[in-house]
Amino acid sequence: MQTFSKRVSMTVVKRLPKYYQYLTDLQDQHIEKISSKELAAMMGLTASQIRQDLNSFGAYGQQGYGYKVKELKEAIRKILGLDLQYNCIIIGSGNLGHAIVNYERFKEEGIHFKAMFDVDPDQIGKKVGDVTVYHMDDLDAFVAHHKIDICILSVPQKVGQETTDRVVELGIKAILNFVPLDLTVPDDVVVESVNITDSLFTLTYLINEEEENE
């Protein structure tokens, strides 16, 4: 995986998947080149912001020509590490876990789900697609025999931190967290949290703010 200066802000890093998605869409439309101005208009940014973001990772594009869509997409794919393969587990085999496993795009980008874990006896032994649901008692042994890069956490809030502690002890260094909880982890473990409740409550605020301003 490529490494870049830590001076690249997380704001820029978090825009990279959006660049990748737009460039993928452009390539699917057989568009071969695009200017920073055109890309900025699509993404709701400025042309200078596009150039500044991309220059953080190297020299891309040509003045007066713009960017070659395929080349820029592949460059961002490598920056995101999507040219590599990742083994994932999901803890919590509810509806959210099922939806994640069944999303075909992840396989296309080298993200492979190796197992799901739960404590519900009705779930143990079932398959979600080609992924088996195991009991949490089997977690340690499974991770010991498989190289797991990412853990997706979708468990009740009351067991969120203790489950995280267990995952960290097993040596997993990346967690995608769907638990509405600020997890505490060591400095060498990265956590990306997705709080659907916060997003919905933000929407309810914005709806009411708009109505008050009418």
Foldseek 3Di string as FASTA:
>chain_A
DDDADPVQDVVLVVCLVVLLVVLVVCVVVVNFFDALCRVCVVVVHHSVVSCVSVVRPHDAADVPTHHGSVVVNVVSLVVVVLVEAAEEEEEDCDPVVLVVQPPVVCVVSRYHYAEYEYQPPVQAQDDSPNHGYHYPVCVLVVCVVDPHAEYEYDDEQVCVAVVVVVVVVSPHAEYEYAYPDDYDDDPRHYYHYDDVVVVVVVVVVVVVVVVVVD
